[in-house]
């Protein structure tokens, strides 16, 4: 017998791809071609296709996509699954 938690760790938004940039960072592109933007407060917003400023750039660390919108400020980690059933 096993036990399983009844509360999910995270709700995943379905993104269409991670777009890799020349500096090794990524942007998260959603199915409508908008880009994930994480504000210095941790609030998540969407930006138009092609946006890749400091609030849109992230690094993949294992199964997390980590945003740090301001140098010296807090970092925000989001679970990442390379396949969604």
Protein backbone atom coordinates (compact mmCIF):
# COMPACT_ATOMS: atom_id res chain seq x y z
CA UNK A 1 0.00 0.00 0.00
CA UNK A 2 1.19 3.54 -0.71
CA UNK A 3 0.12 6.99 0.37
CA UNK A 4 -0.29 9.93 -1.98
CA UNK A 5 -0.77 13.59 -1.18
CA UNK A 6 -4.12 15.09 -2.07
CA UNK A 7 -2.81 18.60 -2.66
CA UNK A 8 -0.79 19.22 -5.84
CA UNK A 9 2.65 20.73 -5.47
CA UNK A 10 1.91 23.12 -8.33
CA UNK A 11 -0.61 23.82 -11.04
CA UNK A 12 1.19 23.80 -14.38
CA UNK A 13 0.35 26.20 -17.15
CA UNK A 14 0.97 24.56 -20.50
CA UNK A 15 3.70 26.36 -22.43
CA UNK A 16 4.56 25.46 -25.98
CA UNK A 17 8.34 25.70 -25.60
CA UNK A 18 11.42 27.04 -23.88
CA UNK A 19 13.26 29.30 -26.29
CA UNK A 20 17.01 29.11 -25.68
CA UNK A 21 18.95 32.36 -25.97
CA UNK A 22 22.61 32.90 -26.91
CA UNK A 23 23.63 33.66 -23.29
CA UNK A 24 22.29 30.29 -22.05
CA UNK A 25 19.09 31.70 -20.57
CA UNK A 26 15.59 30.79 -21.78
CA UNK A 27 12.24 32.42 -22.28
CA UNK A 28 9.00 30.52 -21.64
CA UNK A 29 6.70 30.82 -24.66
CA UNK A 30 3.01 30.00 -24.23
CA UNK A 31 0.70 28.49 -26.84
CA UNK A 32 -0.58 31.96 -27.84
CA UNK A 33 3.07 33.07 -28.46
CA UNK A 34 3.12 35.35 -25.41
CA UNK A 35 6.17 35.17 -23.15
CA UNK A 36 6.20 34.56 -19.38
CA UNK A 37 7.35 37.64 -17.46
CA UNK A 38 8.17 37.48 -13.73
CA UNK A 39 8.11 40.83 -11.96
CA UNK A 40 10.41 41.72 -9.02
CA UNK A 41 7.48 40.98 -6.67
CA UNK A 42 7.10 37.44 -8.10
CA UNK A 43 3.91 38.32 -9.98
CA UNK A 44 3.62 36.48 -13.29
CA UNK A 45 2.53 38.38 -16.40
CA UNK A 46 2.50 37.75 -20.13
CA UNK A 47 4.41 39.86 -22.67
CA UNK A 48 4.16 39.98 -26.47
CA UNK A 49 6.03 37.44 -28.58
CA UNK A 50 9.76 38.12 -28.78
CA UNK A 51 10.06 39.91 -25.42
CA UNK A 52 13.33 38.93 -23.71
CA UNK A 53 14.20 41.59 -21.15
CA UNK A 54 15.43 40.83 -17.62
CA UNK A 55 11.91 39.97 -16.39
CA UNK A 56 11.46 37.40 -19.19
CA UNK A 57 14.85 35.63 -18.98
CA UNK A 58 15.27 32.54 -16.82
CA UNK A 59 17.67 29.67 -16.24
CA UNK A 60 16.76 25.99 -16.20
CA UNK A 61 18.05 24.32 -13.03
CA UNK A 62 17.09 20.64 -13.04
CA UNK A 63 13.30 20.57 -13.20
CA UNK A 64 12.91 24.24 -12.26
CA UNK A 65 12.81 27.38 -14.36
CA UNK A 66 14.37 30.09 -12.19
CA UNK A 67 13.75 33.80 -12.75
CA UNK A 68 15.76 36.52 -11.02
CA UNK A 69 14.36 39.77 -12.42
CA UNK A 70 16.72 42.04 -10.50
CA UNK A 71 20.39 41.39 -9.70
CA UNK A 72 20.69 41.04 -5.95
CA UNK A 73 16.92 40.60 -5.60
CA UNK A 74 14.94 37.43 -4.86
CA UNK A 75 14.79 34.54 -7.30
CA UNK A 76 11.53 32.78 -8.20
CA UNK A 77 11.50 29.08 -9.13
CA UNK A 78 8.74 27.40 -11.13
CA UNK A 79 8.40 23.62 -11.62
CA UNK A 80 9.07 22.54 -15.18
CA UNK A 81 7.91 19.35 -16.91
CA UNK A 82 9.22 18.68 -20.40
CA UNK A 83 6.09 16.64 -21.15
CA UNK A 84 2.51 17.16 -20.06
CA UNK A 85 0.28 14.10 -20.51
